[in-house]
N, C-alpha and C. Protein backbone atom coordinates (compact mmCIF):
# COMPACT_ATOMS: atom_id res chain seq x y z
N UNK A 1 0.75 9.47 -64.24
CA UNK A 1 1.47 9.99 -62.51
C UNK A 1 0.64 10.74 -61.87
N UNK A 2 -0.30 11.56 -63.15
CA UNK A 2 -1.35 12.26 -61.94
C UNK A 2 -2.22 12.05 -61.47
N UNK A 3 -2.40 10.67 -61.05
CA UNK A 3 -3.11 9.76 -60.69
C UNK A 3 -3.40 9.40 -59.34
N UNK A 4 -1.60 9.11 -58.76
CA UNK A 4 -1.03 9.30 -57.93
C UNK A 4 -1.07 9.07 -57.06
N UNK A 5 -0.37 11.23 -58.10
CA UNK A 5 -0.89 12.57 -56.98
C UNK A 5 -1.94 13.00 -56.44
N UNK A 6 -2.73 12.74 -56.78
CA UNK A 6 -4.22 12.59 -56.83
C UNK A 6 -4.71 12.32 -55.46
N UNK A 7 -4.06 10.83 -55.65
CA UNK A 7 -4.78 10.08 -54.91
C UNK A 7 -3.73 10.49 -53.60
N UNK A 8 -2.13 10.43 -53.14
CA UNK A 8 -2.21 10.66 -52.18
C UNK A 8 -2.68 12.48 -51.97
N UNK A 9 -2.19 13.25 -52.82
CA UNK A 9 -3.32 13.92 -52.14
C UNK A 9 -4.25 14.10 -51.74
N UNK A 10 -5.12 13.03 -51.55
CA UNK A 10 -6.54 12.83 -51.42
C UNK A 10 -6.36 11.82 -49.64
N UNK A 11 -5.35 11.14 -49.35
CA UNK A 11 -5.16 10.23 -48.17
C UNK A 11 -4.50 11.78 -47.38
N UNK A 12 -3.92 12.11 -47.83
CA UNK A 12 -2.93 13.03 -46.87
C UNK A 12 -4.75 13.93 -46.56
N UNK A 13 -5.55 14.18 -47.20
CA UNK A 13 -6.79 15.70 -47.04
C UNK A 13 -7.50 15.02 -45.74
N UNK A 14 -8.06 13.29 -46.15
CA UNK A 14 -9.34 12.38 -45.42
C UNK A 14 -8.66 11.82 -43.77
N UNK A 15 -6.63 12.19 -43.64
CA UNK A 15 -6.09 11.87 -42.36
C UNK A 15 -6.99 13.26 -40.89
N UNK A 16 -6.53 14.26 -42.02
CA UNK A 16 -6.74 15.22 -41.65
C UNK A 16 -8.10 16.12 -40.79
N UNK A 17 -8.35 15.64 -42.28
CA UNK A 17 -10.12 17.43 -42.09
C UNK A 17 -10.66 15.92 -42.05
N UNK A 18 -10.90 14.11 -42.43
CA UNK A 18 -12.71 14.36 -43.06
C UNK A 18 -12.57 13.39 -40.96
N UNK A 19 -13.96 13.67 -40.63
CA UNK A 19 -13.75 13.26 -39.27
C UNK A 19 -14.56 11.98 -38.65
N UNK A 20 -13.52 11.25 -37.61
CA UNK A 20 -13.40 9.41 -37.16
C UNK A 20 -14.91 9.34 -36.80
N UNK A 21 -15.56 8.20 -37.43
CA UNK A 21 -16.90 7.65 -37.63
C UNK A 21 -16.86 7.21 -35.29
N UNK A 22 -17.90 7.21 -34.79
CA UNK A 22 -18.18 6.90 -34.23
C UNK A 22 -17.62 7.45 -32.83
N UNK A 23 -16.65 8.35 -33.10
CA UNK A 23 -16.18 8.85 -32.38
C UNK A 23 -16.99 9.89 -30.88
N UNK A 24 -17.61 10.05 -30.01
CA UNK A 24 -18.98 11.28 -29.69
C UNK A 24 -18.34 12.37 -28.67
N UNK A 25 -18.23 13.56 -29.73
CA UNK A 25 -17.98 15.03 -28.41
C UNK A 25 -18.02 14.46 -27.16
N UNK A 26 -17.94 14.83 -26.52
CA UNK A 26 -17.93 14.30 -24.31
C UNK A 26 -17.61 15.57 -24.21
N UNK A 27 -18.51 16.34 -23.69
CA UNK A 27 -19.40 17.79 -22.93
C UNK A 27 -17.65 17.64 -21.67
N UNK A 28 -17.43 18.97 -21.26
CA UNK A 28 -17.12 19.05 -19.74
C UNK A 28 -18.27 17.81 -18.60
N UNK A 29 -19.64 18.17 -18.55
CA UNK A 29 -20.82 17.09 -17.98
C UNK A 29 -20.46 15.54 -18.01
N UNK A 30 -20.10 14.97 -18.90
CA UNK A 30 -20.05 13.80 -19.40
C UNK A 30 -18.32 14.20 -18.58
N UNK A 31 -17.75 14.29 -17.94
CA UNK A 31 -16.42 13.14 -17.67
C UNK A 31 -16.07 11.93 -16.34
N UNK A 32 -17.89 11.68 -16.37
CA UNK A 32 -18.26 10.33 -15.27
C UNK A 32 -18.10 9.26 -16.22
N UNK A 33 -16.55 8.53 -16.60
CA UNK A 33 -16.33 7.27 -17.06
C UNK A 33 -15.77 6.39 -16.33
N UNK A 34 -15.60 5.61 -17.17
CA UNK A 34 -14.93 4.33 -16.13
C UNK A 34 -14.08 4.92 -15.61
N UNK A 35 -13.06 4.12 -14.32
CA UNK A 35 -11.73 4.74 -13.42
C UNK A 35 -10.46 3.58 -14.62
N UNK A 36 -10.78 2.31 -15.88
CA UNK A 36 -9.59 2.30 -16.88
C UNK A 36 -9.34 3.74 -17.39
N UNK A 37 -10.21 4.35 -17.76
CA UNK A 37 -10.38 5.13 -18.99
C UNK A 37 -9.07 6.68 -18.13
N UNK A 38 -8.95 6.93 -19.50
CA UNK A 38 -7.51 8.14 -19.72
C UNK A 38 -7.56 8.73 -20.13
N UNK A 39 -7.62 10.08 -19.67
CA UNK A 39 -8.15 11.32 -20.15
C UNK A 39 -6.79 11.69 -21.29
N UNK A 40 -6.35 11.62 -22.55
CA UNK A 40 -5.21 12.12 -23.29
C UNK A 40 -4.86 13.70 -24.35
N UNK A 41 -4.69 14.25 -23.01
CA UNK A 41 -4.16 16.52 -23.93
C UNK A 41 -3.63 15.88 -24.82
N UNK A 42 -3.35 15.76 -25.61
CA UNK A 42 -2.32 15.66 -27.00
C UNK A 42 -2.29 17.58 -27.46
N UNK A 43 -2.40 18.49 -26.42
CA UNK A 43 -1.87 20.27 -26.51
C UNK A 43 -0.94 20.31 -27.03
N UNK A 44 -0.34 21.56 -26.90
CA UNK A 44 0.54 21.75 -27.03
C UNK A 44 0.37 21.80 -25.16
N UNK A 45 2.11 22.06 -24.52
CA UNK A 45 2.37 22.50 -23.40
C UNK A 45 1.56 23.66 -22.48
N UNK A 46 1.74 24.61 -23.11
CA UNK A 46 1.93 26.09 -22.48
C UNK A 46 0.01 26.53 -22.73
N UNK A 47 -0.10 25.33 -24.24
CA UNK A 47 -1.85 25.53 -24.13
C UNK A 47 -2.58 24.87 -22.62
N UNK A 48 -2.15 23.60 -22.67
CA UNK A 48 -2.34 22.78 -21.36
C UNK A 48 -1.83 23.16 -19.94
N UNK A 49 -1.30 24.49 -20.17
CA UNK A 49 -0.79 25.34 -18.75
C UNK A 49 -2.44 26.42 -18.00
N UNK A 50 -2.43 26.72 -19.32
CA UNK A 50 -3.76 28.01 -19.86
C UNK A 50 -4.44 27.18 -18.94
N UNK A 51 -4.44 26.12 -19.20
CA UNK A 51 -6.77 25.20 -19.70
C UNK A 51 -6.23 23.62 -18.93
N UNK A 52 -5.95 23.79 -17.65
CA UNK A 52 -5.27 22.76 -17.76
C UNK A 52 -6.75 21.72 -17.52
N UNK A 53 -6.61 20.19 -17.26
CA UNK A 53 -7.48 19.08 -17.51
C UNK A 53 -7.53 18.19 -15.98
N UNK A 54 -7.94 17.96 -15.55
CA UNK A 54 -7.85 17.73 -14.14
C UNK A 54 -7.97 16.21 -14.75
N UNK A 55 -6.82 15.22 -13.70
CA UNK A 55 -5.94 14.22 -14.28
C UNK A 55 -5.93 13.22 -16.14
N UNK A 56 -5.87 14.91 -16.66
CA UNK A 56 -5.35 14.05 -18.09
C UNK A 56 -3.45 14.09 -17.78
N UNK A 57 -3.06 13.40 -18.79
CA UNK A 57 -1.27 12.54 -19.49
C UNK A 57 -1.36 13.82 -20.30
N UNK A 58 -0.59 14.54 -20.54
CA UNK A 58 -0.47 15.33 -21.54
C UNK A 58 0.79 14.98 -21.58
N UNK A 59 0.22 14.79 -23.47
CA UNK A 59 0.83 14.56 -24.16
C UNK A 59 1.07 14.96 -25.83
N UNK A 60 1.98 16.07 -26.07
CA UNK A 60 1.49 16.80 -27.42
C UNK A 60 1.83 15.47 -28.37
N UNK A 61 0.33 15.82 -29.28
CA UNK A 61 0.59 15.57 -30.74
C UNK A 61 2.43 14.84 -30.69
N UNK A 62 2.94 15.54 -31.32
CA UNK A 62 4.18 15.96 -31.80
C UNK A 62 4.99 14.76 -30.75
N UNK A 63 4.91 14.12 -30.15
CA UNK A 63 5.96 13.55 -28.19
C UNK A 63 4.96 11.94 -29.20
N UNK A 64 3.17 11.83 -29.57
CA UNK A 64 2.41 10.80 -29.52
C UNK A 64 3.00 9.39 -29.78
N UNK A 65 4.16 8.93 -30.92
CA UNK A 65 4.61 8.72 -31.92
C UNK A 65 6.18 8.06 -31.19
N UNK A 66 6.11 8.20 -30.62
CA UNK A 66 7.69 7.93 -29.16
C UNK A 66 7.84 8.17 -27.93
N UNK A 67 6.29 8.39 -27.56
CA UNK A 67 5.89 8.17 -25.93
C UNK A 67 4.55 7.02 -25.79
N UNK A 68 3.91 6.54 -26.92
CA UNK A 68 1.88 6.95 -26.95
C UNK A 68 2.35 4.49 -26.39
N UNK A 69 3.09 4.60 -25.75
CA UNK A 69 3.34 3.57 -24.74
C UNK A 69 2.99 3.81 -23.18
N UNK A 70 3.27 5.55 -22.61
CA UNK A 70 3.10 5.60 -21.57
C UNK A 70 2.09 6.03 -21.34
N UNK A 71 0.73 5.36 -22.06
CA UNK A 71 -0.67 5.26 -21.81
C UNK A 71 -0.77 4.35 -21.01
N UNK A 72 -1.47 4.30 -19.93
CA UNK A 72 -1.76 3.83 -19.23
C UNK A 72 -2.94 2.35 -19.04
N UNK A 73 -4.15 2.69 -19.97
CA UNK A 73 -4.86 2.13 -19.78
C UNK A 73 -5.39 2.39 -21.45
N UNK A 74 -5.93 1.16 -21.76
CA UNK A 74 -7.16 1.15 -23.00
C UNK A 74 -7.94 1.89 -23.51
N UNK A 75 -8.41 2.66 -22.72
CA UNK A 75 -9.28 3.19 -23.25
C UNK A 75 -9.65 4.51 -22.87
N UNK A 76 -9.39 5.42 -23.89
CA UNK A 76 -8.44 6.93 -24.06
C UNK A 76 -9.47 7.40 -24.36
N UNK A 77 -9.65 9.20 -23.82
CA UNK A 77 -11.16 10.09 -24.16
C UNK A 77 -9.15 11.08 -24.53
N UNK A 78 -9.27 11.67 -25.74
CA UNK A 78 -8.87 12.33 -26.18
C UNK A 78 -8.54 13.92 -26.03
N UNK A 79 -7.88 14.84 -25.71
CA UNK A 79 -8.60 15.95 -25.38
C UNK A 79 -7.19 16.87 -26.38
N UNK A 80 -7.59 17.79 -27.62
CA UNK A 80 -7.02 18.33 -27.76
C UNK A 80 -8.03 20.02 -27.96
N UNK A 81 -6.72 20.80 -28.76
CA UNK A 81 -7.36 22.08 -30.21
C UNK A 81 -7.99 22.35 -31.06
N UNK A 82 -8.67 21.50 -31.69
CA UNK A 82 -8.85 21.41 -33.01
C UNK A 82 -9.07 20.46 -33.34
N UNK A 83 -9.33 20.11 -34.40
CA UNK A 83 -10.26 19.83 -35.14
C UNK A 83 -9.11 18.21 -36.00
N UNK A 84 -8.47 18.88 -36.28
CA UNK A 84 -7.14 18.87 -36.66
C UNK A 84 -6.72 17.07 -35.75
N UNK A 85 -5.32 18.11 -35.29
CA UNK A 85 -5.28 16.80 -34.50
C UNK A 85 -5.78 16.06 -33.57
N UNK A 86 -7.04 16.21 -33.42
CA UNK A 86 -8.41 15.52 -32.90
C UNK A 86 -8.27 14.15 -34.17
N UNK A 87 -8.49 14.06 -34.61
CA UNK A 87 -7.94 13.02 -36.13
C UNK A 87 -7.38 12.69 -35.96
N UNK A 88 -5.77 13.45 -35.98
CA UNK A 88 -4.84 12.61 -35.98
C UNK A 88 -4.48 12.35 -35.07
N UNK A 89 -4.95 12.09 -34.22
CA UNK A 89 -4.63 11.48 -32.55
C UNK A 89 -5.33 9.63 -32.87
N UNK A 90 -6.92 10.53 -32.27
CA UNK A 90 -8.45 9.90 -32.08
C UNK A 90 -7.01 8.34 -33.56
N UNK A 91 -6.83 8.10 -35.40
CA UNK A 91 -6.98 7.62 -36.15
C UNK A 91 -5.45 7.59 -35.79
N UNK A 92 -4.64 7.71 -35.41
CA UNK A 92 -3.10 7.17 -34.23
C UNK A 92 -3.34 5.59 -33.41
N UNK A 93 -4.22 6.51 -32.57
CA UNK A 93 -4.17 5.93 -31.23
C UNK A 93 -5.17 4.31 -31.80
N UNK A 94 -6.37 4.38 -33.18
CA UNK A 94 -7.20 3.47 -33.59
C UNK A 94 -6.08 2.63 -33.84
N UNK A 95 -4.70 2.89 -34.97
CA UNK A 95 -4.28 1.95 -35.64
C UNK A 95 -2.93 1.39 -34.28
N UNK A 96 -3.30 2.01 -33.54
CA UNK A 96 -2.20 1.42 -31.81
C UNK A 96 -2.50 0.33 -31.06
N UNK A 97 -4.27 0.17 -31.72
CA UNK A 97 -4.69 -0.78 -30.99
C UNK A 97 -5.45 -0.41 -29.33
N UNK A 98 -5.05 0.99 -29.32
CA UNK A 98 -6.28 1.64 -28.50
C UNK A 98 -7.80 1.78 -29.13
N UNK A 99 -8.75 1.48 -27.60
CA UNK A 99 -10.34 2.43 -27.99
C UNK A 99 -10.43 3.05 -27.60
N UNK A 100 -10.18 4.50 -28.25
CA UNK A 100 -10.88 5.72 -28.13
C UNK A 100 -12.34 6.12 -27.92
N UNK A 101 -12.97 6.22 -26.93
CA UNK A 101 -14.15 6.05 -26.00
C UNK A 101 -15.27 7.11 -26.22
N UNK A 102 -13.92 9.00 -26.49
CA UNK A 102 -14.78 10.09 -26.99
C UNK A 102 -13.16 11.21 -27.08
N UNK A 103 -14.14 12.42 -27.37
CA UNK A 103 -12.19 13.52 -27.67
C UNK A 103 -13.89 14.40 -27.21
N UNK A 104 -13.11 15.81 -26.49
CA UNK A 104 -13.28 16.38 -26.09
C UNK A 104 -11.31 18.33 -26.77
N UNK A 105 -13.06 19.09 -27.07
CA UNK A 105 -11.44 19.61 -27.02
C UNK A 105 -12.51 21.62 -27.00
N UNK A 106 -10.54 22.04 -26.12
CA UNK A 106 -11.07 22.74 -24.99
C UNK A 106 -9.41 23.70 -25.96
N UNK A 107 -10.51 25.44 -26.21
CA UNK A 107 -9.31 25.96 -27.07
C UNK A 107 -8.61 27.02 -25.70
């Protein structure tokens, strides 16, 4: 029983805190990407209003599972406010078949 609890705790912590490999950090200078690339802003609506990203689709992480069909392209750059939401979003999108080509952290 203790082993099962330990494994569940490990999976939970892995999904949140272990960085996703092969997803590079894209600075503000590197916004020149493909025309098929969508910037997906998963920050809260209040945060995204204070520091908007030009041309990004604003879809907070809490709504991502219900509305991920609204993402019009297969290539995505994730805009997040912290590493936890970035990791969770990238893992979810890769599981849905999206190609995450990078991320940006905006506080």
